[in-house]
């Protein structure tokens, strides 16, 4: 197993991609622009598969709209050609729009009701399938789950699943817990890297880092923010996790978030890096960046902030 030895200067790429949207010139341009403009040396290749509802037990990862295995392999190969290290990050979502954090079942099995055992069996097939691809394509890291808040309490099932993943994959294994949940996961010892989603208000980073530090010290593991970011939208720096917040485009709002996050994290030696959220496979034109109010930093004020920070971090490690 490889170890995480250098600061991770990463971006998350491709998440909203659907079948047929990768493996083409547009997606290639997007990834190359990401590598050239951000200073990143890592990429989290993120994509989703669907289950029908939060109480369904089948993850339908072989069906549309999930990108094909060929597209996943293409994305990894493209990233490698750009000199990027890769974290493969398959994510489950609910087709009815319910956030994956609400996937949940009774703690005790009840006849005729959906069961944790059935869900974990299907989710395990989903994870091990992509763990095999991660191994075959030389991905340096594999993420076994993202923001699965209601599942976090199922310690035994997660330990068993991670053991199955390790049979297929020999690299670094992590789990991306949701914001504010770092101290609710009791099985951090089963992964190689503790990671979470850093969507904390600009004025709350110090308090949250104090809390997370206790978790990281107790676990004795490296730590990453496997997601972190903020829309370029009025008011978003106070609620960076709310992608539905109403407000006009505002680059400075996003920039303020990044300044606050990097400023606070720079004083914490245990923060081992970021996979910033996010960078789409279909990228808007650079000249229209000021009108975009999403998380992507392409062509915005935050792009320069990220690039300078990452170049500084990479300079220290050379």
Protein backbone atom coordinates (compact mmCIF):
# COMPACT_ATOMS: atom_id res chain seq x y z
CA UNK A 1 0.00 0.00 0.00
CA UNK A 2 1.23 3.45 -0.90
CA UNK A 3 1.31 6.10 1.79
CA UNK A 4 0.19 9.70 1.69
CA UNK A 5 3.49 11.50 2.12
CA UNK A 6 3.03 14.89 0.43
CA UNK A 7 0.41 17.61 0.72
CA UNK A 8 -2.49 16.84 -1.62
CA UNK A 9 -3.19 19.73 -4.00
CA UNK A 10 -6.32 18.34 -5.56
CA UNK A 11 -9.49 19.10 -7.48
CA UNK A 12 -12.65 17.05 -7.89
CA UNK A 13 -13.52 16.49 -11.53
CA UNK A 14 -16.49 15.25 -13.51
CA UNK A 15 -19.13 14.66 -10.82
CA UNK A 16 -22.23 15.76 -12.76
CA UNK A 17 -21.09 13.71 -15.74
CA UNK A 18 -23.56 11.24 -17.20
CA UNK A 19 -23.05 8.38 -19.61
CA UNK A 20 -21.59 9.70 -22.84
CA UNK A 21 -20.27 12.96 -21.36
CA UNK A 22 -16.71 11.72 -20.73
CA UNK A 23 -14.17 10.41 -23.21
CA UNK A 24 -14.54 13.27 -25.67
CA UNK A 25 -12.71 16.46 -26.64
CA UNK A 26 -14.86 18.62 -24.37
CA UNK A 27 -14.08 16.51 -21.31
CA UNK A 28 -10.40 16.40 -22.30
CA UNK A 29 -10.30 20.20 -22.55
CA UNK A 30 -11.95 20.52 -19.15
CA UNK A 31 -9.44 18.30 -17.40
CA UNK A 32 -6.48 19.95 -19.09
CA UNK A 33 -7.72 23.43 -18.18
CA UNK A 34 -8.08 22.21 -14.60
CA UNK A 35 -4.51 20.94 -14.47
CA UNK A 36 -3.07 24.04 -16.14
CA UNK A 37 -4.94 26.74 -14.22
CA UNK A 38 -5.17 25.42 -10.65
CA UNK A 39 -1.72 24.04 -9.88
CA UNK A 40 -3.30 20.74 -8.82
CA UNK A 41 -1.26 17.57 -8.70
CA UNK A 42 -4.14 15.29 -7.59
CA UNK A 43 -7.58 14.70 -9.06
CA UNK A 44 -10.62 13.05 -7.50
CA UNK A 45 -12.54 11.51 -10.40
CA UNK A 46 -16.09 11.52 -9.07
CA UNK A 47 -19.21 9.99 -10.59
CA UNK A 48 -22.50 8.65 -9.33
CA UNK A 49 -24.77 5.64 -9.57
CA UNK A 50 -28.42 5.68 -8.57
CA UNK A 51 -30.71 3.82 -6.25
CA UNK A 52 -34.39 4.66 -6.56
CA UNK A 53 -35.04 6.14 -3.10
CA UNK A 54 -33.30 6.49 0.25
CA UNK A 55 -34.96 3.22 1.28
CA UNK A 56 -34.14 1.17 -1.82
CA UNK A 57 -31.60 -1.62 -1.53
CA UNK A 58 -30.25 -1.87 -5.08
CA UNK A 59 -27.51 0.43 -6.43
CA UNK A 60 -27.92 0.35 -10.21
CA UNK A 61 -24.35 1.17 -11.19
CA UNK A 62 -24.30 -0.74 -14.48
CA UNK A 63 -27.16 1.32 -15.91
CA UNK A 64 -27.58 4.81 -17.28
CA UNK A 65 -26.96 7.54 -16.30
CA UNK A 66 -23.74 6.20 -14.71
CA UNK A 67 -20.68 6.68 -16.90
CA UNK A 68 -19.39 3.49 -18.49
CA UNK A 69 -16.35 1.57 -17.31
CA UNK A 70 -14.64 2.65 -20.51
CA UNK A 71 -15.28 6.30 -19.64
CA UNK A 72 -13.89 5.79 -16.14
CA UNK A 73 -10.77 4.16 -17.55
CA UNK A 74 -10.45 7.01 -20.07
CA UNK A 75 -10.65 9.63 -17.29
CA UNK A 76 -7.97 7.90 -15.23
CA UNK A 77 -5.69 7.53 -18.25
CA UNK A 78 -6.22 11.18 -19.19
CA UNK A 79 -5.37 12.30 -15.65
CA UNK A 80 -2.26 10.14 -15.63
CA UNK A 81 -1.16 11.65 -18.96
CA UNK A 82 -1.32 15.07 -17.26
CA UNK A 83 0.90 13.90 -14.41
CA UNK A 84 -1.93 13.82 -11.88
CA UNK A 85 -2.34 11.33 -9.05
CA UNK A 86 -5.84 9.89 -8.93
CA UNK A 87 -8.45 9.23 -6.28
CA UNK A 88 -11.34 7.26 -7.76
CA UNK A 89 -14.59 8.30 -6.08
CA UNK A 90 -17.78 6.43 -7.00
CA UNK A 91 -20.80 7.95 -5.22
CA UNK A 92 -24.35 6.69 -4.73
CA UNK A 93 -27.27 9.08 -5.16
CA UNK A 94 -31.05 8.70 -4.99
CA UNK A 95 -33.02 8.98 -8.22
CA UNK A 96 -35.86 10.80 -6.47
CA UNK A 97 -33.54 13.62 -5.42
CA UNK A 98 -33.20 12.69 -1.75
CA UNK A 99 -29.68 13.41 -0.52
CA UNK A 100 -27.61 10.26 0.02
CA UNK A 101 -27.02 11.21 3.66
CA UNK A 102 -30.60 10.06 4.32
CA UNK A 103 -30.16 6.49 3.06
CA UNK A 104 -31.40 4.57 6.07
CA UNK A 105 -33.09 1.36 7.29
CA UNK A 106 -34.35 -0.13 10.55
CA UNK A 107 -31.56 -1.16 12.91
CA UNK A 108 -33.33 -4.47 13.50
CA UNK A 109 -34.52 -6.53 10.57
CA UNK A 110 -38.31 -6.57 10.10
CA UNK A 111 -40.03 -8.96 7.66
CA UNK A 112 -41.22 -7.27 4.46
CA UNK A 113 -39.13 -4.14 5.17
CA UNK A 114 -35.90 -3.17 3.35
CA UNK A 115 -32.79 -4.24 5.26
CA UNK A 116 -29.28 -2.96 5.86
CA UNK A 117 -27.88 -6.37 4.87
CA UNK A 118 -29.45 -6.16 1.41
CA UNK A 119 -28.29 -2.58 0.88
CA UNK A 120 -24.71 -3.23 1.98
CA UNK A 121 -24.57 -6.32 -0.25
CA UNK A 122 -25.51 -4.21 -3.28
CA UNK A 123 -23.38 -1.24 -2.25
CA UNK A 124 -20.48 -3.63 -1.71
CA UNK A 125 -20.79 -4.92 -5.26
CA UNK A 126 -20.78 -1.31 -6.44
CA UNK A 127 -17.64 -0.46 -4.49
CA UNK A 128 -15.64 -3.58 -5.25
CA UNK A 129 -16.37 -3.25 -8.97
CA UNK A 130 -14.71 0.17 -9.06
CA UNK A 131 -12.02 -0.87 -6.61
CA UNK A 132 -10.98 -3.45 -9.19
CA UNK A 133 -10.86 -0.74 -11.87
CA UNK A 134 -8.87 1.51 -9.52
CA UNK A 135 -6.36 -1.29 -9.06
CA UNK A 136 -6.13 -2.10 -12.77
CA UNK A 137 -5.64 1.55 -13.74
CA UNK A 138 -3.13 2.41 -11.01
CA UNK A 139 -5.21 4.89 -9.01
CA UNK A 140 -3.31 6.04 -5.94
CA UNK A 141 -6.42 6.37 -3.76
CA UNK A 142 -9.92 4.94 -3.55
CA UNK A 143 -12.88 6.46 -1.68
CA UNK A 144 -15.34 3.90 -0.31
CA UNK A 145 -18.16 6.32 0.45
CA UNK A 146 -19.19 9.96 0.53
CA UNK A 147 -21.36 11.74 3.10
CA UNK A 148 -23.34 8.65 4.07
CA UNK A 149 -24.44 10.12 7.38
CA UNK A 150 -27.14 7.64 8.38
CA UNK A 151 -24.94 4.69 7.43
CA UNK A 152 -22.01 5.86 9.55
CA UNK A 153 -23.37 4.09 12.65
CA UNK A 154 -23.20 0.70 10.91
CA UNK A 155 -19.65 0.01 12.01
CA UNK A 156 -19.53 -3.74 11.40
CA UNK A 157 -20.88 -3.46 7.87
CA UNK A 158 -18.39 -0.74 6.98
CA UNK A 159 -15.48 -2.76 8.35
CA UNK A 160 -16.56 -5.79 6.33
CA UNK A 161 -17.00 -3.71 3.18
CA UNK A 162 -13.58 -2.08 3.52
CA UNK A 163 -11.99 -5.51 4.00
CA UNK A 164 -13.63 -6.61 0.72
CA UNK A 165 -12.36 -3.49 -1.04
CA UNK A 166 -8.85 -4.22 0.17
CA UNK A 167 -9.01 -7.67 -1.43
CA UNK A 168 -9.47 -5.93 -4.78
CA UNK A 169 -7.41 -2.78 -4.29
CA UNK A 170 -3.91 -2.28 -2.86
CA UNK A 171 -3.69 1.53 -2.71
CA UNK A 172 -4.79 4.15 -0.19
CA UNK A 173 -8.35 3.73 1.09
CA UNK A 174 -10.37 6.59 2.54
CA UNK A 175 -13.95 7.41 3.53
CA UNK A 176 -15.34 10.92 2.99
CA UNK A 177 -17.63 11.69 5.93
CA UNK A 178 -19.93 14.67 5.82
CA UNK A 179 -19.26 18.04 7.44
CA UNK A 180 -19.72 18.05 11.23
CA UNK A 181 -19.64 14.22 11.30
CA UNK A 182 -15.91 13.59 11.76
CA UNK A 183 -16.35 12.65 15.43
CA UNK A 184 -19.34 10.37 14.75
CA UNK A 185 -17.39 7.77 12.74
CA UNK A 186 -16.11 5.00 15.04
CA UNK A 187 -14.20 2.99 12.44
CA UNK A 188 -11.53 5.41 11.22
CA UNK A 189 -8.90 2.81 12.11
CA UNK A 190 -10.10 0.67 9.18
CA UNK A 191 -9.10 3.25 6.53
CA UNK A 192 -5.72 4.76 5.68
CA UNK A 193 -6.79 8.40 5.52
CA UNK A 194 -9.48 10.23 7.48
CA UNK A 195 -11.35 12.60 5.18
CA UNK A 196 -14.37 14.85 5.31
CA UNK A 197 -16.28 17.56 3.47
CA UNK A 198 -15.05 21.04 4.37
CA UNK A 199 -18.13 23.15 3.85
CA UNK A 200 -17.75 25.30 6.94
CA UNK A 201 -18.82 28.95 7.19
CA UNK A 202 -15.97 31.39 6.62
CA UNK A 203 -16.13 32.64 10.22
CA UNK A 204 -16.27 29.15 11.79
CA UNK A 205 -13.15 27.44 10.51
CA UNK A 206 -11.09 27.80 13.69
CA UNK A 207 -13.75 26.22 15.91
CA UNK A 208 -14.38 23.37 13.50
CA UNK A 209 -10.68 22.66 13.04
CA UNK A 210 -10.26 22.52 16.81
CA UNK A 211 -12.95 19.84 16.93
CA UNK A 212 -11.63 17.88 13.93
CA UNK A 213 -8.08 17.96 15.29
CA UNK A 214 -9.15 15.88 18.28
CA UNK A 215 -10.53 13.23 15.92
CA UNK A 216 -7.41 13.19 13.76
CA UNK A 217 -5.06 12.96 16.75
CA UNK A 218 -7.08 10.09 18.23
CA UNK A 219 -7.18 8.21 14.94
CA UNK A 220 -3.47 8.66 14.29
CA UNK A 221 -4.14 8.86 10.56
CA UNK A 222 -3.44 11.42 7.81
CA UNK A 223 -6.32 13.80 7.13
CA UNK A 224 -7.73 15.39 3.96
CA UNK A 225 -10.68 17.52 3.05
CA UNK A 226 -11.85 15.25 0.25
CA UNK A 227 -14.36 17.93 -0.61
CA UNK A 228 -14.26 21.65 0.14
CA UNK A 229 -15.57 24.63 -1.73
CA UNK A 230 -18.09 27.41 -2.03
CA UNK A 231 -20.33 28.73 -4.81
CA UNK A 232 -19.51 32.14 -6.27
CA UNK A 233 -22.86 33.47 -5.11
CA UNK A 234 -24.09 36.17 -2.75
CA UNK A 235 -24.21 34.83 0.81
CA UNK A 236 -22.57 31.50 0.07
CA UNK A 237 -19.51 31.93 2.28
CA UNK A 238 -21.84 31.65 5.31
CA UNK A 239 -23.50 28.44 4.05
CA UNK A 240 -21.07 26.95 1.51
CA UNK A 241 -22.86 23.58 1.52
CA UNK A 242 -26.13 25.11 0.25
CA UNK A 243 -26.05 24.83 -3.53
CA UNK A 244 -29.70 25.99 -3.68
CA UNK A 245 -29.11 29.34 -1.98
CA UNK A 246 -30.66 32.19 -3.92
CA UNK A 247 -28.41 35.09 -4.83
CA UNK A 248 -26.60 36.72 -7.69
CA UNK A 249 -23.12 35.72 -8.94
CA UNK A 250 -20.38 37.01 -6.63
CA UNK A 251 -16.75 36.02 -7.17
CA UNK A 252 -15.60 37.79 -4.01
CA UNK A 253 -17.95 35.69 -1.88
CA UNK A 254 -16.21 32.56 -3.11
CA UNK A 255 -12.78 34.16 -2.80
CA UNK A 256 -13.49 35.14 0.82
CA UNK A 257 -14.30 31.53 1.64
CA UNK A 258 -11.04 30.28 0.15
CA UNK A 259 -8.99 32.90 1.95
CA UNK A 260 -10.60 31.95 5.26
CA UNK A 261 -10.26 28.20 4.71
CA UNK A 262 -6.65 28.27 3.54
CA UNK A 263 -5.69 30.81 6.19
CA UNK A 264 -7.03 28.67 9.02
CA UNK A 265 -5.84 25.34 7.63
CA UNK A 266 -2.33 26.67 7.01
CA UNK A 267 -1.88 26.89 10.78
CA UNK A 268 -2.80 23.20 11.21
CA UNK A 269 0.02 20.91 10.19
CA UNK A 270 -2.25 17.87 10.31
CA UNK A 271 -4.38 19.08 7.40
CA UNK A 272 -2.85 17.07 4.58
CA UNK A 273 -4.58 18.62 1.62
CA UNK A 274 -7.76 19.18 -0.36
CA UNK A 275 -9.78 17.79 -3.25
CA UNK A 276 -11.64 21.02 -3.96
CA UNK A 277 -15.23 20.92 -5.18
CA UNK A 278 -15.67 20.92 -8.11
CA UNK A 279 -14.76 21.02 -11.79
CA UNK A 280 -17.28 19.83 -14.42
CA UNK A 281 -16.47 17.71 -17.45
CA UNK A 282 -18.41 20.24 -19.51
CA UNK A 283 -16.72 23.55 -18.71
CA UNK A 284 -18.22 26.99 -19.30
CA UNK A 285 -16.23 29.44 -21.41
CA UNK A 286 -13.64 31.44 -19.48
CA UNK A 287 -15.06 34.78 -20.61
CA UNK A 288 -18.41 33.90 -19.03
CA UNK A 289 -16.96 33.01 -15.61
CA UNK A 290 -18.34 36.14 -13.94
CA UNK A 291 -21.88 34.98 -14.75
CA UNK A 292 -21.39 31.49 -13.33
CA UNK A 293 -22.51 31.15 -9.70
CA UNK A 294 -21.46 27.54 -9.10
CA UNK A 295 -18.61 25.89 -7.21
CA UNK A 296 -16.16 25.77 -10.11
CA UNK A 297 -13.34 28.32 -9.78
CA UNK A 298 -12.37 28.45 -13.47
CA UNK A 299 -11.71 32.02 -14.54
CA UNK A 300 -12.79 33.45 -11.18
CA UNK A 301 -10.90 35.30 -8.44
CA UNK A 302 -10.66 32.10 -6.40
CA UNK A 303 -8.73 30.41 -9.20
CA UNK A 304 -5.70 32.61 -8.52
CA UNK A 305 -6.01 32.09 -4.76
CA UNK A 306 -6.02 28.32 -5.20
CA UNK A 307 -3.17 28.33 -7.69
CA UNK A 308 -0.92 30.45 -5.46
CA UNK A 309 -1.70 28.31 -2.43
CA UNK A 310 -1.07 25.05 -4.27
CA UNK A 311 2.11 26.31 -5.90
CA UNK A 312 3.35 27.36 -2.45
CA UNK A 313 2.57 23.96 -1.02
CA UNK A 314 4.24 22.15 -3.87
CA UNK A 315 7.27 24.42 -3.56
CA UNK A 316 7.71 23.48 0.08
CA UNK A 317 7.70 19.78 -0.74
CA UNK A 318 10.28 20.02 -3.52
